N, C-alpha and C. Protein backbone atom coordinates (compact mmCIF):
# COMPACT_ATOMS: atom_id res chain seq x y z
N MET A 1 110.15 143.19 168.08
CA MET A 1 109.02 142.72 168.84
C MET A 1 109.53 142.10 170.12
N GLY A 2 109.02 142.57 171.26
CA GLY A 2 109.49 142.08 172.55
C GLY A 2 108.77 140.80 172.94
N ALA A 3 109.23 140.22 174.03
CA ALA A 3 108.66 138.97 174.52
C ALA A 3 107.21 139.18 174.97
N SER A 4 106.94 140.33 175.57
CA SER A 4 105.57 140.59 176.02
C SER A 4 104.61 140.78 174.85
N ASP A 5 105.07 141.38 173.77
CA ASP A 5 104.23 141.53 172.58
C ASP A 5 103.93 140.18 171.96
N GLN A 6 104.95 139.31 171.94
CA GLN A 6 104.75 137.98 171.38
C GLN A 6 103.78 137.18 172.24
N GLU A 7 103.90 137.33 173.55
CA GLU A 7 103.00 136.61 174.47
C GLU A 7 101.56 137.12 174.32
N ALA A 8 101.38 138.41 174.16
CA ALA A 8 100.04 138.98 173.96
C ALA A 8 99.45 138.48 172.66
N GLY A 9 100.25 138.38 171.60
CA GLY A 9 99.78 137.87 170.33
C GLY A 9 99.35 136.42 170.44
N GLU A 10 100.10 135.62 171.17
CA GLU A 10 99.75 134.21 171.36
C GLU A 10 98.44 134.09 172.15
N GLN A 11 98.24 134.95 173.12
CA GLN A 11 96.99 134.92 173.90
C GLN A 11 95.79 135.27 173.02
N ARG A 12 95.98 136.23 172.13
CA ARG A 12 94.90 136.59 171.22
C ARG A 12 94.57 135.44 170.28
N VAL A 13 95.61 134.75 169.80
CA VAL A 13 95.39 133.61 168.91
C VAL A 13 94.66 132.49 169.67
N ARG A 14 95.10 132.20 170.91
CA ARG A 14 94.44 131.16 171.71
C ARG A 14 92.97 131.52 171.96
N ALA A 15 92.70 132.78 172.24
CA ALA A 15 91.31 133.21 172.48
C ALA A 15 90.48 133.05 171.22
N ALA A 16 91.06 133.40 170.06
CA ALA A 16 90.34 133.26 168.80
C ALA A 16 90.07 131.79 168.49
N VAL A 17 91.04 130.92 168.78
CA VAL A 17 90.85 129.48 168.55
C VAL A 17 89.73 128.95 169.46
N ARG A 18 89.72 129.39 170.72
CA ARG A 18 88.66 128.96 171.65
C ARG A 18 87.29 129.41 171.15
N ARG A 19 87.18 130.67 170.70
CA ARG A 19 85.90 131.17 170.19
C ARG A 19 85.45 130.37 168.97
N HIS A 20 86.40 130.10 168.08
CA HIS A 20 86.06 129.34 166.88
C HIS A 20 85.61 127.92 167.24
N ALA A 21 86.31 127.27 168.15
CA ALA A 21 85.95 125.91 168.56
C ALA A 21 84.57 125.88 169.21
N ARG A 22 84.32 126.88 170.03
CA ARG A 22 83.01 126.94 170.69
C ARG A 22 81.89 127.16 169.68
N ALA A 23 82.10 128.07 168.75
CA ALA A 23 81.07 128.35 167.73
C ALA A 23 80.83 127.11 166.88
N ARG A 24 81.90 126.41 166.54
CA ARG A 24 81.75 125.19 165.73
C ARG A 24 81.01 124.10 166.51
N ALA A 25 81.33 123.95 167.80
CA ALA A 25 80.64 122.96 168.62
C ALA A 25 79.15 123.27 168.73
N PHE A 26 78.80 124.54 168.90
CA PHE A 26 77.39 124.92 168.96
C PHE A 26 76.69 124.65 167.63
N ALA A 27 77.35 124.95 166.53
CA ALA A 27 76.75 124.71 165.21
C ALA A 27 76.52 123.22 164.99
N GLU A 28 77.50 122.39 165.38
CA GLU A 28 77.33 120.95 165.23
C GLU A 28 76.20 120.44 166.12
N ALA A 29 76.11 120.96 167.35
CA ALA A 29 75.03 120.54 168.25
C ALA A 29 73.67 120.92 167.69
N GLU A 30 73.55 122.11 167.11
CA GLU A 30 72.29 122.52 166.50
C GLU A 30 71.91 121.61 165.33
N ASP A 31 72.91 121.21 164.54
CA ASP A 31 72.63 120.29 163.43
C ASP A 31 72.13 118.95 163.93
N VAL A 32 72.76 118.42 164.97
CA VAL A 32 72.35 117.13 165.54
C VAL A 32 70.94 117.23 166.11
N ILE A 33 70.66 118.29 166.85
CA ILE A 33 69.33 118.46 167.44
C ILE A 33 68.27 118.57 166.34
N SER A 34 68.55 119.33 165.29
CA SER A 34 67.60 119.46 164.19
C SER A 34 67.34 118.12 163.52
N THR A 35 68.40 117.34 163.34
CA THR A 35 68.26 116.02 162.72
C THR A 35 67.41 115.11 163.57
N VAL A 36 67.66 115.10 164.88
CA VAL A 36 66.89 114.24 165.78
C VAL A 36 65.43 114.66 165.81
N LEU A 37 65.18 115.95 165.93
CA LEU A 37 63.80 116.42 166.02
C LEU A 37 63.01 116.24 164.72
N SER A 38 63.69 116.14 163.60
CA SER A 38 62.98 115.96 162.34
C SER A 38 62.75 114.49 162.01
N ALA A 39 63.22 113.58 162.82
CA ALA A 39 63.03 112.15 162.57
C ALA A 39 61.54 111.81 162.66
N PRO A 40 61.05 110.93 161.81
CA PRO A 40 59.61 110.59 161.81
C PRO A 40 59.12 110.04 163.16
N GLY A 41 59.92 109.25 163.83
CA GLY A 41 59.53 108.71 165.13
C GLY A 41 59.35 109.81 166.17
N VAL A 42 60.22 110.78 166.14
CA VAL A 42 60.13 111.90 167.08
C VAL A 42 58.91 112.75 166.76
N GLN A 43 58.63 112.97 165.48
CA GLN A 43 57.46 113.74 165.09
C GLN A 43 56.18 113.05 165.54
N ALA A 44 56.13 111.72 165.38
CA ALA A 44 54.95 110.97 165.80
C ALA A 44 54.77 111.06 167.31
N ALA A 45 55.88 110.94 168.05
CA ALA A 45 55.81 111.05 169.51
C ALA A 45 55.34 112.44 169.92
N ARG A 46 55.81 113.45 169.22
CA ARG A 46 55.40 114.83 169.52
C ARG A 46 53.90 115.01 169.31
N GLU A 47 53.39 114.44 168.22
CA GLU A 47 51.95 114.54 167.96
C GLU A 47 51.14 113.83 169.04
N ARG A 48 51.62 112.67 169.51
CA ARG A 48 50.92 111.95 170.58
C ARG A 48 50.93 112.75 171.88
N VAL A 49 52.06 113.38 172.18
CA VAL A 49 52.16 114.19 173.40
C VAL A 49 51.21 115.38 173.30
N GLU A 50 51.16 116.04 172.16
CA GLU A 50 50.27 117.19 172.01
C GLU A 50 48.80 116.78 172.14
N ALA A 51 48.46 115.61 171.59
CA ALA A 51 47.08 115.12 171.72
C ALA A 51 46.75 114.83 173.18
N ALA A 52 47.70 114.21 173.89
CA ALA A 52 47.47 113.92 175.31
C ALA A 52 47.36 115.21 176.12
N GLU A 53 48.19 116.20 175.80
CA GLU A 53 48.11 117.49 176.49
C GLU A 53 46.75 118.14 176.28
N THR A 54 46.25 118.07 175.06
CA THR A 54 44.94 118.65 174.76
C THR A 54 43.86 117.95 175.56
N GLU A 55 43.89 116.63 175.56
CA GLU A 55 42.88 115.86 176.28
C GLU A 55 42.93 116.14 177.78
N LEU A 56 44.14 116.12 178.34
CA LEU A 56 44.27 116.36 179.78
C LEU A 56 43.94 117.81 180.13
N GLY A 57 44.27 118.74 179.24
CA GLY A 57 43.95 120.14 179.48
C GLY A 57 42.45 120.37 179.54
N LEU A 58 41.72 119.72 178.62
CA LEU A 58 40.26 119.85 178.63
C LEU A 58 39.68 119.23 179.89
N GLU A 59 40.23 118.09 180.30
CA GLU A 59 39.76 117.43 181.53
C GLU A 59 40.03 118.30 182.74
N LEU A 60 41.22 118.88 182.80
CA LEU A 60 41.57 119.76 183.92
C LEU A 60 40.66 120.97 183.95
N CYS A 61 40.42 121.56 182.80
CA CYS A 61 39.55 122.72 182.73
C CYS A 61 38.15 122.39 183.25
N ALA A 62 37.64 121.22 182.84
CA ALA A 62 36.31 120.80 183.30
C ALA A 62 36.30 120.56 184.81
N ARG A 63 37.37 119.99 185.33
CA ARG A 63 37.42 119.69 186.78
C ARG A 63 37.57 120.96 187.61
N LEU A 64 38.23 121.97 187.06
CA LEU A 64 38.44 123.22 187.80
C LEU A 64 37.29 124.20 187.63
N GLN A 65 36.41 123.97 186.67
CA GLN A 65 35.34 124.92 186.40
C GLN A 65 34.45 125.19 187.61
N PRO A 66 34.06 124.17 188.41
CA PRO A 66 33.25 124.48 189.59
C PRO A 66 33.95 125.44 190.55
N PHE A 67 35.25 125.28 190.71
CA PHE A 67 36.00 126.19 191.58
C PHE A 67 36.02 127.60 190.99
N GLN A 68 36.20 127.67 189.67
CA GLN A 68 36.19 128.97 189.02
C GLN A 68 34.84 129.64 189.15
N ASP A 69 33.78 128.86 189.01
CA ASP A 69 32.43 129.42 189.15
C ASP A 69 32.20 129.94 190.56
N ARG A 70 32.63 129.17 191.55
CA ARG A 70 32.48 129.63 192.94
C ARG A 70 33.29 130.88 193.19
N TYR A 71 34.50 130.93 192.64
CA TYR A 71 35.34 132.11 192.79
C TYR A 71 34.68 133.32 192.14
N ASP A 72 34.19 133.16 190.91
CA ASP A 72 33.53 134.27 190.21
C ASP A 72 32.29 134.73 190.98
N GLN A 73 31.54 133.80 191.51
CA GLN A 73 30.33 134.15 192.26
C GLN A 73 30.69 134.90 193.54
N ALA A 74 31.71 134.45 194.24
CA ALA A 74 32.11 135.09 195.49
C ALA A 74 32.69 136.48 195.26
N CYS A 75 33.35 136.67 194.13
CA CYS A 75 33.98 137.96 193.86
C CYS A 75 33.02 138.96 193.23
N GLY A 76 31.88 138.51 192.77
CA GLY A 76 30.91 139.41 192.15
C GLY A 76 30.10 140.15 193.19
N GLY A 77 29.45 141.22 192.80
CA GLY A 77 28.56 141.96 193.68
C GLY A 77 29.24 142.76 194.77
N GLY A 78 30.50 143.09 194.60
CA GLY A 78 31.18 143.94 195.57
C GLY A 78 31.64 143.24 196.83
N ARG A 79 31.56 141.93 196.89
CA ARG A 79 32.00 141.21 198.09
C ARG A 79 33.40 140.66 197.89
N ARG A 80 34.24 141.38 197.23
CA ARG A 80 35.53 140.85 196.82
C ARG A 80 36.48 140.54 197.97
N GLY A 81 36.62 141.38 198.90
CA GLY A 81 37.64 141.25 199.94
C GLY A 81 37.66 139.94 200.69
N ARG A 82 36.74 139.78 201.64
CA ARG A 82 36.73 138.59 202.49
C ARG A 82 36.40 137.33 201.73
N ALA A 83 35.44 137.40 200.83
CA ALA A 83 35.03 136.21 200.09
C ALA A 83 36.18 135.68 199.23
N ARG A 84 36.91 136.57 198.58
CA ARG A 84 38.02 136.15 197.74
C ARG A 84 39.10 135.49 198.57
N ARG A 85 39.46 136.12 199.70
CA ARG A 85 40.50 135.53 200.55
C ARG A 85 40.07 134.18 201.09
N ALA A 86 38.80 134.06 201.48
CA ALA A 86 38.32 132.79 202.02
C ALA A 86 38.36 131.71 200.96
N LEU A 87 37.95 132.04 199.75
CA LEU A 87 37.92 131.06 198.68
C LEU A 87 39.34 130.65 198.28
N TRP A 88 40.24 131.62 198.21
CA TRP A 88 41.63 131.28 197.87
C TRP A 88 42.24 130.42 198.96
N GLY A 89 41.96 130.74 200.21
CA GLY A 89 42.49 129.92 201.31
C GLY A 89 41.99 128.49 201.20
N GLN A 90 40.72 128.31 200.89
CA GLN A 90 40.15 126.98 200.75
C GLN A 90 40.78 126.26 199.56
N ALA A 91 40.94 126.94 198.45
CA ALA A 91 41.51 126.31 197.27
C ALA A 91 42.96 125.92 197.51
N ARG A 92 43.71 126.78 198.17
CA ARG A 92 45.11 126.45 198.45
C ARG A 92 45.21 125.29 199.43
N ALA A 93 44.29 125.22 200.38
CA ALA A 93 44.30 124.10 201.30
C ALA A 93 44.06 122.79 200.56
N LEU A 94 43.29 122.84 199.48
CA LEU A 94 43.03 121.65 198.68
C LEU A 94 44.14 121.40 197.66
N GLY A 95 45.09 122.31 197.57
CA GLY A 95 46.20 122.15 196.64
C GLY A 95 45.90 122.63 195.24
N ALA A 96 44.89 123.42 195.05
CA ALA A 96 44.52 123.88 193.71
C ALA A 96 44.84 125.36 193.57
N ASP A 97 45.36 125.73 192.43
CA ASP A 97 45.56 127.13 192.09
C ASP A 97 44.56 127.43 190.99
N LEU A 98 43.56 128.22 191.31
CA LEU A 98 42.47 128.46 190.36
C LEU A 98 42.93 129.21 189.12
N ARG A 99 44.08 129.86 189.20
CA ARG A 99 44.55 130.61 188.05
C ARG A 99 45.43 129.77 187.12
N ALA A 100 45.77 128.54 187.52
CA ALA A 100 46.69 127.72 186.72
C ALA A 100 46.13 127.44 185.33
N ALA A 101 44.86 127.09 185.25
CA ALA A 101 44.28 126.78 183.94
C ALA A 101 44.27 128.02 183.05
N ARG A 102 43.98 129.18 183.63
CA ARG A 102 44.00 130.40 182.82
C ARG A 102 45.40 130.72 182.32
N ARG A 103 46.41 130.57 183.21
CA ARG A 103 47.79 130.83 182.79
C ARG A 103 48.19 129.89 181.67
N ALA A 104 47.87 128.61 181.81
CA ALA A 104 48.21 127.64 180.78
C ALA A 104 47.52 127.99 179.47
N ARG A 105 46.26 128.36 179.55
CA ARG A 105 45.51 128.72 178.35
C ARG A 105 46.14 129.94 177.69
N ASP A 106 46.49 130.94 178.48
CA ASP A 106 47.05 132.17 177.92
C ASP A 106 48.44 131.96 177.36
N LEU A 107 49.23 131.09 177.99
CA LEU A 107 50.59 130.86 177.53
C LEU A 107 50.63 130.14 176.20
N ASP A 108 49.71 129.20 175.99
CA ASP A 108 49.77 128.45 174.74
C ASP A 108 48.83 129.01 173.68
N GLY A 109 48.27 130.16 173.92
CA GLY A 109 47.42 130.80 172.92
C GLY A 109 46.02 130.22 172.82
N GLY A 110 45.63 129.46 173.82
CA GLY A 110 44.28 128.92 173.84
C GLY A 110 44.09 127.64 173.06
N THR A 111 45.18 126.94 172.70
CA THR A 111 45.02 125.74 171.90
C THR A 111 44.84 124.49 172.76
N VAL A 112 45.53 124.41 173.90
CA VAL A 112 45.43 123.21 174.72
C VAL A 112 44.17 123.25 175.57
N LEU A 113 43.94 124.35 176.22
CA LEU A 113 42.72 124.52 177.01
C LEU A 113 41.76 125.38 176.21
N ARG A 114 40.51 125.20 176.46
CA ARG A 114 39.56 125.96 175.65
C ARG A 114 39.77 127.46 175.85
N PRO A 115 39.55 128.25 174.82
CA PRO A 115 39.83 129.69 174.89
C PRO A 115 38.91 130.43 175.84
């Protein structure tokens, strides 16, 4: 066995040790995260956050509904082009994205915002 063969073998061993150490570190991190997330205090905090998200989502939906109604009215009856652009320009000037509530509703399956 030559020196280069021995060096190649050592490199393979070092690479295997690095892979093993990394896999073990990830497994330990997953165990710690699971333990923390299953703690009763964390579960209670999660439930409070979900309740607040639901409440705020319903409030946001109610506040955006007039804009959605105006958008739907402007886009109906074949007047889509200019009316839609004008309404979107006005909404963006006010800092509102009329599609945000729909995206949020669709992403979470309709649980936070009304379906």
